[in-house]
Amino acid sequence: MRGSSSLDSLPGKGHLDTLEIENFKSYKGFHLIGPFSRFTAIIGPNGSGKSNLMDAISFVWRETPISRRHQKCV
């Protein structure tokens, strides 16, 4: 998995341009996702991989995946 990003002028801020995913969770094979704009909405039916996409983005930025955050709250 690899993300392509560019840095904004503010320290600590960034922008994700594209995301390459290969065999990550429900994404089998190679997927090139993007380009992302300054505001991108992730929409789709239940079970379509929205949370897995957010987990992939969290993985690239070394954040705690959303799926683990929900488990801690319950």
PDB file of N, CA and C in Angstrom:
ATOM      1  N   MET A   1       0.859  -1.163   0.000  1.00  0.00           N
ATOM      2  CA  MET A   1       0.000   0.000   0.000  1.00  0.00           C
ATOM      3  C   MET A   1       0.901   1.220   0.000  1.00  0.00           C
ATOM      4  N   ARG A   2       0.498   2.187  -0.786  1.00  0.00           N
ATOM      5  CA  ARG A   2       1.304   3.401  -0.890  1.00  0.00           C
ATOM      6  C   ARG A   2       0.384   4.578  -1.127  1.00  0.00           C
ATOM      7  N   GLY A   3       0.671   5.680  -0.493  1.00  0.00           N
ATOM      8  CA  GLY A   3      -0.083   6.904  -0.699  1.00  0.00           C
ATOM      9  C   GLY A   3       0.801   7.972  -1.311  1.00  0.00           C
ATOM     10  N   SER A   4       0.224   8.782  -2.138  1.00  0.00           N
ATOM     11  CA  SER A   4       0.935   9.917  -2.717  1.00  0.00           C
ATOM     12  C   SER A   4       0.331  11.173  -2.128  1.00  0.00           C
ATOM     13  N   SER A   5       1.168  11.999  -1.535  1.00  0.00           N
ATOM     14  CA  SER A   5       0.627  13.184  -0.876  1.00  0.00           C
ATOM     15  C   SER A   5       1.487  14.398  -1.171  1.00  0.00           C
ATOM     16  N   SER A   6       0.890  15.549  -0.945  1.00  0.00           N
ATOM     17  CA  SER A   6       1.622  16.807  -1.038  1.00  0.00           C
ATOM     18  C   SER A   6       1.384  17.579   0.244  1.00  0.00           C
ATOM     19  N   LEU A   7       2.348  18.362   0.639  1.00  0.00           N
ATOM     20  CA  LEU A   7       2.232  19.110   1.888  1.00  0.00           C
ATOM     21  C   LEU A   7       1.648  20.484   1.633  1.00  0.00           C
ATOM     22  N   ASP A   8       0.753  20.884   2.514  1.00  0.00           N
ATOM     23  CA  ASP A   8       0.217  22.247   2.470  1.00  0.00           C
ATOM     24  C   ASP A   8       1.218  23.183   3.135  1.00  0.00           C
ATOM     25  N   SER A   9       0.938  24.464   3.117  1.00  0.00           N
ATOM     26  CA  SER A   9       1.864  25.452   3.676  1.00  0.00           C
ATOM     27  C   SER A   9       1.900  25.430   5.203  1.00  0.00           C
ATOM     28  N   LEU A  10       0.880  24.899   5.863  1.00  0.00           N
ATOM     29  CA  LEU A  10       0.857  24.867   7.320  1.00  0.00           C
ATOM     30  C   LEU A  10       1.602  23.647   7.844  1.00  0.00           C
ATOM     31  N   PRO A  11       2.421  23.814   8.893  1.00  0.00           N
ATOM     32  CA  PRO A  11       3.131  22.674   9.461  1.00  0.00           C
ATOM     33  C   PRO A  11       2.142  21.647  10.015  1.00  0.00           C
ATOM     34  N   GLY A  12       2.430  20.380   9.820  1.00  0.00           N
ATOM     35  CA  GLY A  12       1.573  19.329  10.337  1.00  0.00           C
ATOM     36  C   GLY A  12       0.359  19.043   9.477  1.00  0.00           C
ATOM     37  N   LYS A  13       0.213  19.731   8.369  1.00  0.00           N
ATOM     38  CA  LYS A  13      -0.928  19.518   7.476  1.00  0.00           C
ATOM     39  C   LYS A  13      -0.442  18.840   6.209  1.00  0.00           C
ATOM     40  N   GLY A  14      -1.294  18.051   5.606  1.00  0.00           N
ATOM     41  CA  GLY A  14      -0.946  17.387   4.363  1.00  0.00           C
ATOM     42  C   GLY A  14      -2.183  17.139   3.535  1.00  0.00           C
ATOM     43  N   HIS A  15      -1.968  16.670   2.327  1.00  0.00           N
ATOM     44  CA  HIS A  15      -3.063  16.379   1.408  1.00  0.00           C
ATOM     45  C   HIS A  15      -2.749  15.061   0.716  1.00  0.00           C
ATOM     46  N   LEU A  16      -3.683  14.141   0.731  1.00  0.00           N
ATOM     47  CA  LEU A  16      -3.526  12.862   0.061  1.00  0.00           C
ATOM     48  C   LEU A  16      -4.000  13.007  -1.375  1.00  0.00           C
ATOM     49  N   ASP A  17      -3.111  12.763  -2.330  1.00  0.00           N
ATOM     50  CA  ASP A  17      -3.472  12.876  -3.745  1.00  0.00           C
ATOM     51  C   ASP A  17      -4.119  11.589  -4.254  1.00  0.00           C
ATOM     52  N   THR A  18      -3.420  10.472  -4.108  1.00  0.00           N
ATOM     53  CA  THR A  18      -3.927   9.170  -4.538  1.00  0.00           C
ATOM     54  C   THR A  18      -3.531   8.119  -3.518  1.00  0.00           C
ATOM     55  N   LEU A  19      -4.192   6.975  -3.581  1.00  0.00           N
ATOM     56  CA  LEU A  19      -3.890   5.865  -2.687  1.00  0.00           C
ATOM     57  C   LEU A  19      -3.845   4.595  -3.515  1.00  0.00           C
ATOM     58  N   GLU A  20      -2.734   3.874  -3.430  1.00  0.00           N
ATOM     59  CA  GLU A  20      -2.594   2.586  -4.100  1.00  0.00           C
ATOM     60  C   GLU A  20      -2.770   1.496  -3.059  1.00  0.00           C
ATOM     61  N   ILE A  21      -3.720   0.602  -3.285  1.00  0.00           N
ATOM     62  CA  ILE A  21      -4.011  -0.483  -2.349  1.00  0.00           C
ATOM     63  C   ILE A  21      -3.852  -1.802  -3.087  1.00  0.00           C
ATOM     64  N   GLU A  22      -3.180  -2.745  -2.454  1.00  0.00           N
ATOM     65  CA  GLU A  22      -3.068  -4.081  -3.030  1.00  0.00           C
ATOM     66  C   GLU A  22      -3.289  -5.108  -1.927  1.00  0.00           C
ATOM     67  N   ASN A  23      -4.352  -5.902  -2.072  1.00  0.00           N
ATOM     68  CA  ASN A  23      -4.698  -6.975  -1.132  1.00  0.00           C
ATOM     69  C   ASN A  23      -4.744  -6.483   0.315  1.00  0.00           C
ATOM     70  N   PHE A  24      -5.481  -5.438   0.557  1.00  0.00           N
ATOM     71  CA  PHE A  24      -5.664  -4.887   1.900  1.00  0.00           C
ATOM     72  C   PHE A  24      -7.115  -5.080   2.308  1.00  0.00           C
ATOM     73  N   LYS A  25      -7.332  -5.901   3.331  1.00  0.00           N
ATOM     74  CA  LYS A  25      -8.672  -6.193   3.843  1.00  0.00           C
ATOM     75  C   LYS A  25      -9.605  -6.625   2.716  1.00  0.00           C
ATOM     76  N   SER A  26     -10.683  -5.891   2.450  1.00  0.00           N
ATOM     77  CA  SER A  26     -11.647  -6.307   1.423  1.00  0.00           C
ATOM     78  C   SER A  26     -11.231  -5.910   0.010  1.00  0.00           C
ATOM     79  N   TYR A  27     -10.117  -5.195  -0.142  1.00  0.00           N
ATOM     80  CA  TYR A  27      -9.643  -4.772  -1.460  1.00  0.00           C
ATOM     81  C   TYR A  27      -8.679  -5.823  -2.007  1.00  0.00           C
ATOM     82  N   LYS A  28      -9.178  -6.736  -2.824  1.00  0.00           N
ATOM     83  CA  LYS A  28      -8.355  -7.794  -3.412  1.00  0.00           C
ATOM     84  C   LYS A  28      -7.776  -7.308  -4.731  1.00  0.00           C
ATOM     85  N   GLY A  29      -6.515  -7.600  -4.971  1.00  0.00           N
ATOM     86  CA  GLY A  29      -5.851  -7.133  -6.176  1.00  0.00           C
ATOM     87  C   GLY A  29      -5.386  -5.695  -6.003  1.00  0.00           C
ATOM     88  N   PHE A  30      -5.039  -5.065  -7.115  1.00  0.00           N
ATOM     89  CA  PHE A  30      -4.513  -3.701  -7.104  1.00  0.00           C
ATOM     90  C   PHE A  30      -5.629  -2.697  -7.368  1.00  0.00           C
ATOM     91  N   HIS A  31      -5.679  -1.626  -6.563  1.00  0.00           N
ATOM     92  CA  HIS A  31      -6.659  -0.547  -6.739  1.00  0.00           C
ATOM     93  C   HIS A  31      -5.940   0.789  -6.606  1.00  0.00           C
ATOM     94  N   LEU A  32      -6.164   1.672  -7.558  1.00  0.00           N
ATOM     95  CA  LEU A  32      -5.667   3.045  -7.489  1.00  0.00           C
ATOM     96  C   LEU A  32      -6.866   3.929  -7.185  1.00  0.00           C
ATOM     97  N   ILE A  33      -6.870   4.535  -6.011  1.00  0.00           N
ATOM     98  CA  ILE A  33      -8.005   5.337  -5.560  1.00  0.00           C
ATOM     99  C   ILE A  33      -7.584   6.800  -5.561  1.00  0.00           C
ATOM    100  N   GLY A  34      -8.381   7.635  -6.176  1.00  0.00           N
ATOM    101  CA  GLY A  34      -8.091   9.054  -6.260  1.00  0.00           C
ATOM    102  C   GLY A  34      -8.195   9.509  -7.694  1.00  0.00           C
ATOM    103  N   PRO A  35      -7.889  10.734  -7.963  1.00  0.00           N
ATOM    104  CA  PRO A  35      -7.293  11.707  -7.050  1.00  0.00           C
ATOM    105  C   PRO A  35      -8.317  12.250  -6.053  1.00  0.00           C
ATOM    106  N   PHE A  36      -7.812  12.572  -4.872  1.00  0.00           N
ATOM    107  CA  PHE A  36      -8.632  13.175  -3.836  1.00  0.00           C
ATOM    108  C   PHE A  36      -8.553  14.690  -3.977  1.00  0.00           C
ATOM    109  N   SER A  37      -9.654  15.364  -3.689  1.00  0.00           N
ATOM    110  CA  SER A  37      -9.657  16.827  -3.696  1.00  0.00           C
ATOM    111  C   SER A  37      -9.478  17.325  -2.269  1.00  0.00           C
ATOM    112  N   ARG A  38      -9.543  18.616  -2.074  1.00  0.00           N
ATOM    113  CA  ARG A  38      -9.404  19.185  -0.727  1.00  0.00           C
ATOM    114  C   ARG A  38     -10.497  18.659   0.199  1.00  0.00           C
ATOM    115  N   PHE A  39     -11.677  18.402  -0.345  1.00  0.00           N
ATOM    116  CA  PHE A  39     -12.765  17.773   0.403  1.00  0.00           C
ATOM    117  C   PHE A  39     -13.268  16.605  -0.428  1.00  0.00           C
ATOM    118  N   THR A  40     -13.179  15.410   0.118  1.00  0.00           N
ATOM    119  CA  THR A  40     -13.649  14.211  -0.575  1.00  0.00           C
ATOM    120  C   THR A  40     -14.596  13.463   0.343  1.00  0.00           C
ATOM    121  N   ALA A  41     -15.786  13.157  -0.141  1.00  0.00           N
ATOM    122  CA  ALA A  41     -16.762  12.371   0.617  1.00  0.00           C
ATOM    123  C   ALA A  41     -16.634  10.909   0.205  1.00  0.00           C
ATOM    124  N   ILE A  42     -16.613  10.024   1.187  1.00  0.00           N
ATOM    125  CA  ILE A  42     -16.562   8.584   0.934  1.00  0.00           C
ATOM    126  C   ILE A  42     -17.977   8.058   1.137  1.00  0.00           C
ATOM    127  N   ILE A  43     -18.633   7.637   0.064  1.00  0.00           N
ATOM    128  CA  ILE A  43     -20.013   7.165   0.148  1.00  0.00           C
ATOM    129  C   ILE A  43     -20.121   5.791  -0.498  1.00  0.00           C
ATOM    130  N   GLY A  44     -21.149   5.050  -0.105  1.00  0.00           N
ATOM    131  CA  GLY A  44     -21.400   3.740  -0.685  1.00  0.00           C
ATOM    132  C   GLY A  44     -22.321   2.941   0.208  1.00  0.00           C
ATOM    133  N   PRO A  45     -22.849   1.838  -0.311  1.00  0.00           N
ATOM    134  CA  PRO A  45     -23.755   1.008   0.480  1.00  0.00           C
ATOM    135  C   PRO A  45     -23.014   0.269   1.596  1.00  0.00           C
ATOM    136  N   ASN A  46     -23.777  -0.289   2.523  1.00  0.00           N
ATOM    137  CA  ASN A  46     -23.192  -1.084   3.601  1.00  0.00           C
ATOM    138  C   ASN A  46     -22.361  -2.218   3.011  1.00  0.00           C
ATOM    139  N   GLY A  47     -21.204  -2.463   3.605  1.00  0.00           N
ATOM    140  CA  GLY A  47     -20.350  -3.562   3.167  1.00  0.00           C
ATOM    141  C   GLY A  47     -19.542  -3.286   1.916  1.00  0.00           C
ATOM    142  N   SER A  48     -19.456  -2.030   1.488  1.00  0.00           N
ATOM    143  CA  SER A  48     -18.738  -1.723   0.245  1.00  0.00           C
ATOM    144  C   SER A  48     -17.262  -1.379   0.464  1.00  0.00           C
ATOM    145  N   GLY A  49     -16.813  -1.290   1.714  1.00  0.00           N
ATOM    146  CA  GLY A  49     -15.396  -1.052   1.985  1.00  0.00           C
ATOM    147  C   GLY A  49     -15.037   0.355   2.413  1.00  0.00           C
ATOM    148  N   LYS A  50     -16.025   1.162   2.811  1.00  0.00           N
ATOM    149  CA  LYS A  50     -15.733   2.544   3.231  1.00  0.00           C
ATOM    150  C   LYS A  50     -14.805   2.563   4.448  1.00  0.00           C
ATOM    151  N   SER A  51     -15.105   1.767   5.448  1.00  0.00           N
ATOM    152  CA  SER A  51     -14.270   1.731   6.655  1.00  0.00           C
ATOM    153  C   SER A  51     -12.888   1.174   6.348  1.00  0.00           C
ATOM    154  N   ASN A  52     -12.807   0.194   5.458  1.00  0.00           N
ATOM    155  CA  ASN A  52     -11.505  -0.355   5.084  1.00  0.00           C
ATOM    156  C   ASN A  52     -10.668   0.673   4.335  1.00  0.00           C
ATOM    157  N   LEU A  53     -11.309   1.519   3.539  1.00  0.00           N
ATOM    158  CA  LEU A  53     -10.587   2.609   2.878  1.00  0.00           C
ATOM    159  C   LEU A  53     -10.040   3.580   3.920  1.00  0.00           C
ATOM    160  N   MET A  54     -10.852   3.918   4.909  1.00  0.00           N
ATOM    161  CA  MET A  54     -10.388   4.822   5.962  1.00  0.00           C
ATOM    162  C   MET A  54      -9.270   4.172   6.783  1.00  0.00           C
ATOM    163  N   ASP A  55      -9.352   2.846   7.013  1.00  0.00           N
ATOM    164  CA  ASP A  55      -8.268   2.140   7.702  1.00  0.00           C
ATOM    165  C   ASP A  55      -6.982   2.185   6.878  1.00  0.00           C
ATOM    166  N   ALA A  56      -7.096   2.093   5.560  1.00  0.00           N
ATOM    167  CA  ALA A  56      -5.920   2.172   4.690  1.00  0.00           C
ATOM    168  C   ALA A  56      -5.275   3.551   4.785  1.00  0.00           C
ATOM    169  N   ILE A  57      -6.094   4.583   4.784  1.00  0.00           N
ATOM    170  CA  ILE A  57      -5.566   5.946   4.924  1.00  0.00           C
ATOM    171  C   ILE A  57      -4.912   6.114   6.293  1.00  0.00           C
ATOM    172  N   SER A  58      -5.534   5.586   7.339  1.00  0.00           N
ATOM    173  CA  SER A  58      -4.950   5.647   8.681  1.00  0.00           C
ATOM    174  C   SER A  58      -3.619   4.905   8.728  1.00  0.00           C
ATOM    175  N   PHE A  59      -3.533   3.772   8.027  1.00  0.00           N
ATOM    176  CA  PHE A  59      -2.298   2.993   7.983  1.00  0.00           C
ATOM    177  C   PHE A  59      -1.174   3.801   7.334  1.00  0.00           C
ATOM    178  N   VAL A  60      -1.471   4.483   6.241  1.00  0.00           N
ATOM    179  CA  VAL A  60      -0.460   5.294   5.550  1.00  0.00           C
ATOM    180  C   VAL A  60       0.034   6.412   6.458  1.00  0.00           C
ATOM    181  N   TRP A  61      -0.866   7.041   7.202  1.00  0.00           N
ATOM    182  CA  TRP A  61      -0.493   8.154   8.076  1.00  0.00           C
ATOM    183  C   TRP A  61      -0.160   7.713   9.494  1.00  0.00           C
ATOM    184  N   ARG A  62      -0.077   6.394   9.713  1.00  0.00           N
ATOM    185  CA  ARG A  62       0.287   5.807  11.010  1.00  0.00           C
ATOM    186  C   ARG A  62      -0.619   6.275  12.140  1.00  0.00           C
ATOM    187  N   GLU A  63      -1.898   6.337  11.856  1.00  0.00           N
ATOM    188  CA  GLU A  63      -2.903   6.680  12.862  1.00  0.00           C
ATOM    189  C   GLU A  63      -3.553   5.393  13.360  1.00  0.00           C
ATOM    190  N   THR A  64      -4.286   5.479  14.456  1.00  0.00           N
ATOM    191  CA  THR A  64      -5.050   4.336  14.933  1.00  0.00           C
ATOM    192  C   THR A  64      -6.220   4.104  13.986  1.00  0.00           C
ATOM    193  N   PRO A  65      -6.349   2.884  13.431  1.00  0.00           N
ATOM    194  CA  PRO A  65      -7.461   2.629  12.507  1.00  0.00           C
ATOM    195  C   PRO A  65      -8.813   2.883  13.152  1.00  0.00           C
ATOM    196  N   ILE A  66      -9.767   3.324  12.361  1.00  0.00           N
ATOM    197  CA  ILE A  66     -11.115   3.611  12.843  1.00  0.00           C
ATOM    198  C   ILE A  66     -11.731   2.380  13.478  1.00  0.00           C
ATOM    199  N   SER A  67     -11.510   1.199  12.905  1.00  0.00           N
ATOM    200  CA  SER A  67     -12.106  -0.020  13.442  1.00  0.00           C
ATOM    201  C   SER A  67     -11.634  -0.283  14.871  1.00  0.00           C
ATOM    202  N   ARG A  68     -10.390   0.046  15.196  1.00  0.00           N
ATOM    203  CA  ARG A  68      -9.899  -0.142  16.563  1.00  0.00           C
ATOM    204  C   ARG A  68     -10.456   0.914  17.507  1.00  0.00           C
ATOM    205  N   ARG A  69     -10.689   2.117  17.016  1.00  0.00           N
ATOM    206  CA  ARG A  69     -11.262   3.166  17.863  1.00  0.00           C
ATOM    207  C   ARG A  69     -12.656   2.771  18.322  1.00  0.00           C
ATOM    208  N   HIS A  70     -13.435   2.178  17.431  1.00  0.00           N
ATOM    209  CA  HIS A  70     -14.784   1.748  17.805  1.00  0.00           C
ATOM    210  C   HIS A  70     -14.729   0.638  18.845  1.00  0.00           C
ATOM    211  N   GLN A  71     -13.781  -0.277  18.742  1.00  0.00           N
ATOM    212  CA  GLN A  71     -13.670  -1.368  19.698  1.00  0.00           C
ATOM    213  C   GLN A  71     -13.322  -0.851  21.083  1.00  0.00           C
ATOM    214  N   LYS A  72     -12.497   0.196  21.172  1.00  0.00           N
ATOM    215  CA  LYS A  72     -12.110   0.747  22.465  1.00  0.00           C
ATOM    216  C   LYS A  72     -13.283   1.441  23.152  1.00  0.00           C
ATOM    217  N   CYS A  73     -14.204   2.007  22.368  1.00  0.00           N
ATOM    218  CA  CYS A  73     -15.317   2.762  22.934  1.00  0.00           C
ATOM    219  C   CYS A  73     -16.419   1.862  23.470  1.00  0.00           C
ATOM    220  N   VAL A  74     -16.474   0.633  23.010  1.00  0.00           N
ATOM    221  CA  VAL A  74     -17.586  -0.255  23.386  1.00  0.00           C
ATOM    222  C   VAL A  74     -17.304  -0.941  24.674  1.00  0.00           C
TER     223      VAL A  74
END
